[in-house]
Protein backbone atom coordinates (compact mmCIF):
# COMPACT_ATOMS: atom_id res chain seq x y z
CA MET A 1 4.79 2.01 12.55
CA ILE A 2 6.48 2.60 9.27
CA ARG A 3 7.01 6.26 8.29
CA GLY A 4 8.27 7.82 5.02
CA LEU A 5 7.15 7.61 1.54
CA VAL A 6 4.88 4.48 2.08
CA GLN A 7 1.32 5.38 0.83
CA GLY A 8 0.30 5.36 -2.79
CA VAL A 9 3.19 3.09 -3.77
CA GLY A 10 1.58 -0.36 -3.37
CA PHE A 11 2.97 -0.67 0.27
CA ARG A 12 -0.06 -2.34 1.86
CA PRO A 13 -0.34 -5.05 -0.90
CA PHE A 14 3.41 -5.56 -0.58
CA ILE A 15 3.12 -5.99 3.27
CA TYR A 16 0.02 -8.38 2.78
CA ARG A 17 2.00 -10.60 0.31
CA THR A 18 5.09 -10.57 2.62
CA ALA A 19 3.00 -11.46 5.70
CA ILE A 20 1.28 -14.22 3.84
CA ARG A 21 4.62 -15.64 2.88
CA TYR A 22 5.65 -15.65 6.49
CA GLY A 23 2.27 -17.20 7.60
CA LEU A 24 1.50 -14.14 9.73
CA ARG A 25 -1.82 -13.22 11.07
CA GLY A 26 -2.69 -9.67 11.54
CA GLU A 27 -3.45 -6.51 9.48
CA VAL A 28 -2.01 -3.53 7.78
CA ASP A 29 -3.47 -0.10 7.39
CA ASN A 30 -2.71 3.37 6.16
CA ARG A 31 -2.70 6.06 8.79
CA THR A 32 -2.19 9.83 8.50
CA ASP A 33 1.17 9.32 9.95
CA GLY A 34 2.38 6.24 8.01
CA VAL A 35 1.58 2.48 7.70
CA CYS A 36 0.74 0.44 10.73
CA ILE A 37 1.25 -3.38 10.86
CA LEU A 38 -0.16 -5.44 13.61
CA VAL A 39 0.90 -9.05 13.72
CA ASN A 40 0.82 -12.15 15.99
CA THR A 41 4.33 -13.67 15.76
CA ASP A 42 7.42 -14.59 17.57
CA LYS A 43 10.43 -12.43 17.78
CA SER A 44 12.54 -14.26 15.36
CA THR A 45 9.88 -14.23 12.60
CA LEU A 46 9.18 -10.64 13.28
CA GLU A 47 12.95 -9.75 12.84
CA LYS A 48 12.99 -11.75 9.49
CA PHE A 49 9.68 -10.05 8.41
CA CYS A 50 10.93 -6.45 9.11
CA ASN A 51 14.28 -7.21 7.47
CA ASP A 52 12.32 -8.45 4.34
CA ILE A 53 10.16 -5.16 4.44
CA ILE A 54 13.32 -3.03 4.53
CA SER A 55 15.13 -4.96 1.85
CA ASN A 56 12.27 -5.49 -0.65
CA ALA A 57 10.07 -2.51 -0.27
CA PRO A 58 8.27 -1.34 -3.46
CA PRO A 59 10.75 0.59 -5.70
CA VAL A 60 8.99 3.95 -5.15
CA ALA A 61 8.89 3.46 -1.42
CA ASN A 62 11.28 5.34 0.91
CA ILE A 63 11.17 4.02 4.46
CA ARG A 64 12.49 6.70 6.83
CA SER A 65 11.75 4.65 10.14
CA LEU A 66 10.29 1.44 11.26
CA ASP A 67 9.23 1.47 14.88
CA ILE A 68 8.49 -1.89 16.49
CA ARG A 69 6.51 -2.01 19.81
CA SER A 70 5.43 -5.11 21.82
CA SER A 71 1.86 -4.97 22.92
CA MET A 72 -1.10 -7.24 23.67
CA LEU A 73 -3.08 -7.75 20.57
CA PRO A 74 -6.24 -9.71 19.79
CA GLU A 75 -5.65 -13.06 18.15
CA PHE A 76 -6.04 -12.51 14.38
CA CYS A 77 -7.42 -15.38 12.33
CA SER A 78 -5.70 -14.25 9.03
CA PHE A 79 -3.94 -11.32 7.53
CA THR A 80 -5.87 -8.48 6.02
CA ILE A 81 -5.59 -4.95 4.74
CA ALA A 82 -7.67 -2.93 7.08
CA PRO A 83 -9.45 0.19 6.47
CA SER A 84 -7.45 3.39 6.86
CA ARG A 85 -7.44 5.50 9.91
CA VAL A 86 -6.95 9.10 10.88
CA ASN A 87 -4.90 9.14 14.00
CA ASP A 88 -2.57 12.11 14.27
CA ASP A 89 -1.84 15.54 13.05
CA TYR A 90 1.37 14.45 11.63
CA LEU A 91 1.11 13.84 7.92
CA THR A 92 2.99 11.21 5.98
CA GLU A 93 4.74 11.80 2.71
CA ILE A 94 2.98 11.50 -0.65
CA SER A 95 4.63 10.28 -3.74
CA PRO A 96 5.22 12.73 -6.60
CA ASP A 97 3.51 11.76 -9.74
CA ILE A 98 5.41 9.07 -11.58
CA ALA A 99 5.55 8.36 -15.30
CA VAL A 100 3.88 5.34 -16.61
CA CYS A 101 5.87 2.18 -16.15
CA SER A 102 6.78 -0.48 -18.74
CA ASP A 103 4.37 -3.02 -17.19
CA CYS A 104 1.57 -0.58 -17.64
CA LEU A 105 2.62 0.35 -21.12
CA SER A 106 2.50 -3.42 -22.00
CA ASP A 107 -1.01 -3.78 -20.40
CA MET A 108 -2.20 -0.84 -22.53
CA LYS A 109 -0.95 -2.64 -25.75
CA ASN A 110 -1.71 -6.33 -24.85
CA ASP A 111 -4.36 -6.75 -22.01
CA PRO A 112 -7.79 -7.03 -23.82
CA HIS A 113 -9.42 -5.25 -21.02
CA LEU A 114 -7.10 -2.22 -20.92
CA LYS A 115 -5.99 -2.06 -24.59
CA GLY A 116 -5.90 1.52 -25.83
CA TYR A 117 -6.99 2.87 -22.34
CA PRO A 118 -4.97 6.04 -21.82
CA LEU A 119 -5.07 6.27 -18.01
CA VAL A 120 -3.60 2.94 -17.01
CA ASN A 121 -1.41 3.04 -13.87
CA CYS A 122 -0.44 0.73 -11.07
CA THR A 123 1.09 0.89 -7.59
CA SER A 124 4.45 1.66 -9.19
CA CYS A 125 3.49 4.54 -11.46
CA GLY A 126 0.82 7.20 -12.16
CA PRO A 127 -0.41 10.27 -10.50
CA ARG A 128 -0.34 10.62 -6.73
CA PHE A 129 0.50 14.04 -5.47
CA SER A 130 -1.71 15.82 -8.05
CA ILE A 131 -4.77 13.75 -7.25
CA THR A 132 -4.47 13.48 -3.43
CA GLU A 133 -6.98 15.59 -1.58
CA GLU A 134 -6.70 14.10 1.89
CA LEU A 135 -4.74 11.60 3.88
CA PRO A 136 -4.57 8.74 4.46
CA TYR A 137 -3.98 7.84 0.75
CA ASP A 138 -6.97 5.84 -0.38
CA ARG A 139 -8.96 6.14 -3.64
CA HIS A 140 -11.80 7.92 -1.91
CA ASN A 141 -9.45 10.56 -0.69
CA THR A 142 -8.36 11.45 -4.14
CA SER A 143 -9.97 13.11 -7.18
CA MET A 144 -10.56 9.61 -8.46
CA ARG A 145 -13.42 8.93 -6.09
CA GLY A 146 -16.00 10.29 -8.60
CA PHE A 147 -15.00 7.72 -11.28
CA ARG A 148 -16.69 4.46 -10.68
CA MET A 149 -14.48 1.44 -11.73
CA CYS A 150 -15.89 -1.27 -13.93
CA PRO A 151 -16.45 -4.64 -12.14
CA GLU A 152 -13.24 -6.08 -13.59
CA CYS A 153 -11.15 -3.16 -12.60
CA GLU A 154 -12.78 -3.20 -9.08
CA ALA A 155 -12.02 -6.93 -8.66
CA ARG A 156 -8.38 -6.17 -9.69
CA TYR A 157 -8.09 -3.28 -7.25
CA ASN A 158 -9.73 -5.27 -4.40
């Protein structure tokens, strides 16, 4: 379990990319008390994976703790981002709203699909605290749930 400022900052996609790089099978999900990662791996690879998470976390993330427990897990076939779960009364931290980043400003100027769109944001920028209505942090738990994405944006999001 990873606790701290780890939701709404691109943490699950970061974990997914890192796990794929290590050839891991398992899953990552948001929970009300943080981010949970389940993996089938050996101790040496797990140690490298955890060190990579701590060293290369998304810029806005702030890891307060990373707890490792050994347990019997099902054999996973691949690595996935699993649906979020409500599991505890403890609430994780939510990122403050963050000014638009230079990559998003570039997209707003150059990406044909986003050109001129005033609400561009990514996992490194944009509103978080002001739109969150419930935890864990997922689009359907924010004020954005009422705004349907176009097919191209939904494909990018997924």
